[in-house]
Structure formats: structure tokens, C-alpha cells
Protein backbone atom coordinates (compact mmCIF):
# COMPACT_ATOMS: atom_id res chain seq x y z
CA UNK A 1 -67.18 -21.35 -145.42
CA UNK A 2 -66.10 -21.99 -141.99
CA UNK A 3 -64.27 -25.11 -141.16
CA UNK A 4 -64.27 -26.84 -137.41
CA UNK A 5 -60.62 -28.68 -136.71
CA UNK A 6 -61.92 -31.23 -134.05
CA UNK A 7 -58.63 -32.78 -132.49
CA UNK A 8 -59.66 -35.84 -130.70
CA UNK A 9 -58.04 -38.12 -128.13
CA UNK A 10 -59.30 -41.55 -127.54
CA UNK A 11 -61.20 -42.51 -124.52
CA UNK A 12 -59.44 -44.48 -121.94
CA UNK A 13 -59.76 -48.59 -123.11
CA UNK A 14 -60.05 -47.94 -126.17
CA UNK A 15 -57.01 -49.36 -128.55
CA UNK A 16 -55.89 -47.30 -131.19
CA UNK A 17 -57.21 -49.83 -133.67
CA UNK A 18 -60.81 -49.83 -132.21
CA UNK A 19 -60.43 -45.87 -131.86
CA UNK A 20 -60.10 -45.57 -135.61
CA UNK A 21 -62.52 -48.00 -136.61
CA UNK A 22 -65.14 -45.41 -134.71
CA UNK A 23 -63.85 -42.68 -136.10
CA UNK A 24 -63.67 -43.90 -139.75
CA UNK A 25 -66.66 -45.96 -139.77
CA UNK A 26 -69.01 -45.64 -136.63
CA UNK A 27 -68.91 -41.77 -136.36
CA UNK A 28 -68.98 -41.15 -139.67
CA UNK A 29 -73.05 -42.37 -139.72
CA UNK A 30 -73.59 -39.11 -137.34
CA UNK A 31 -71.88 -36.66 -139.58
CA UNK A 32 -73.80 -37.69 -142.48
CA UNK A 33 -77.07 -36.43 -140.83
CA UNK A 34 -75.88 -33.40 -139.52
CA UNK A 35 -77.64 -30.64 -141.14
CA UNK A 36 -75.53 -27.94 -143.43
CA UNK A 37 -72.38 -30.14 -143.31
CA UNK A 38 -70.69 -29.64 -146.33
CA UNK A 39 -67.68 -31.49 -146.35
CA UNK A 40 -66.06 -34.19 -143.56
CA UNK A 41 -62.46 -35.43 -143.34
CA UNK A 42 -61.31 -37.46 -140.97
CA UNK A 43 -57.60 -37.67 -140.38
CA UNK A 44 -56.06 -40.53 -138.17
CA UNK A 45 -53.22 -40.07 -136.23
CA UNK A 46 -49.90 -42.53 -137.21
CA UNK A 47 -47.63 -42.49 -134.26
CA UNK A 48 -48.94 -44.33 -131.38
CA UNK A 49 -47.51 -41.36 -128.88
CA UNK A 50 -49.06 -38.76 -130.68
CA UNK A 51 -50.92 -35.88 -128.85
CA UNK A 52 -54.12 -36.46 -130.24
CA UNK A 53 -55.57 -39.55 -132.12
CA UNK A 54 -57.81 -38.14 -134.94
CA UNK A 55 -58.30 -34.55 -136.77
CA UNK A 56 -61.60 -33.91 -137.97
CA UNK A 57 -62.61 -31.11 -140.25
CA UNK A 58 -66.24 -30.19 -140.40
CA UNK A 59 -67.15 -27.75 -143.19
CA UNK A 60 -70.05 -25.30 -142.98
CA UNK A 61 -71.30 -22.39 -145.03
CA UNK A 62 -70.92 -20.09 -141.87
CA UNK A 63 -71.18 -20.15 -138.06
CA UNK A 64 -74.94 -19.91 -138.20
CA UNK A 65 -74.76 -23.46 -139.99
CA UNK A 66 -72.29 -24.45 -137.56
CA UNK A 67 -74.38 -23.56 -134.71
CA UNK A 68 -77.75 -24.77 -136.01
CA UNK A 69 -76.37 -28.18 -136.72
CA UNK A 70 -74.94 -28.94 -133.23
CA UNK A 71 -78.18 -27.61 -131.92
CA UNK A 72 -80.43 -30.35 -133.75
CA UNK A 73 -81.51 -33.73 -132.76
CA UNK A 74 -78.40 -35.10 -134.74
CA UNK A 75 -76.11 -32.72 -133.62
CA UNK A 76 -76.77 -33.65 -130.16
CA UNK A 77 -76.43 -37.20 -130.98
CA UNK A 78 -73.18 -36.90 -132.50
CA UNK A 79 -71.80 -35.20 -129.64
CA UNK A 80 -72.71 -37.56 -127.22
CA UNK A 81 -71.30 -40.27 -129.39
CA UNK A 82 -67.96 -38.39 -129.65
CA UNK A 83 -68.02 -37.92 -125.72
CA UNK A 84 -68.69 -41.60 -125.18
CA UNK A 85 -65.62 -42.45 -127.15
CA UNK A 86 -63.05 -39.39 -126.40
CA UNK A 87 -61.13 -38.45 -123.33
CA UNK A 88 -60.61 -35.12 -124.82
CA UNK A 89 -61.86 -32.90 -127.54
CA UNK A 90 -60.65 -29.53 -128.94
CA UNK A 91 -62.54 -27.69 -131.52
CA UNK A 92 -60.94 -24.58 -133.54
CA UNK A 93 -62.84 -22.44 -135.85
CA UNK A 94 -61.14 -21.86 -138.86
CA UNK A 95 -61.46 -20.16 -142.10
CA UNK A 96 -59.70 -22.15 -144.57
CA UNK A 97 -57.40 -20.95 -147.46
CA UNK A 98 -56.59 -23.32 -149.96
CA UNK A 99 -53.36 -22.41 -151.36
CA UNK A 100 -51.64 -25.03 -153.43
């Protein structure tokens, strides 16, 4: 299993509330269409001054599935949507270990 952790900072001009609605509701529609996506979790930051406004977790079977998902039409659309609503995105590829 491969987990992509995406750290998102909202675009200038978007309120925290507008960003939270976008990331939890609107952007979800793009994630639902990503081929090979096994699980999707959105974590919205609570403090107003947090370094990132959301931390998203996307689970794929492996790196090949991740690459294929984002190379797809739906993956490109999801990336464009994210780019339009964020000022910064950092993606960290991880191997999850559920310990508790």
C-alpha cells in the first residue's frame, strides 16, 4: 500500500471556511473519479494560523497505480482543481504502518 500525504495551503483570497467547504465537498468529487484510489481522507486544520489548511491522505496499491491515476483525465482535472484553490501543495509518498 502507498499513501500520498498532501499538505495544502489555501489560495489567497479564500477564507478558511470557503477552503474547508471546497476540500471536503467540492474536491471530493474529483477524488471519487481517480482510478485506483483505494481510500481518501481529508483533515482540515483547526488553528487559523496553521502552516497548512488541510492534510489529505490518498491510498493506492502501489506507485504504478498512483502514477496512472494522476496521468488519467480525472487525475489531471483533480490537479487543476487543486491548483486553482491552493497557494502551496506538498506531496509526501509514504508507506503507512498502522500501529494502534
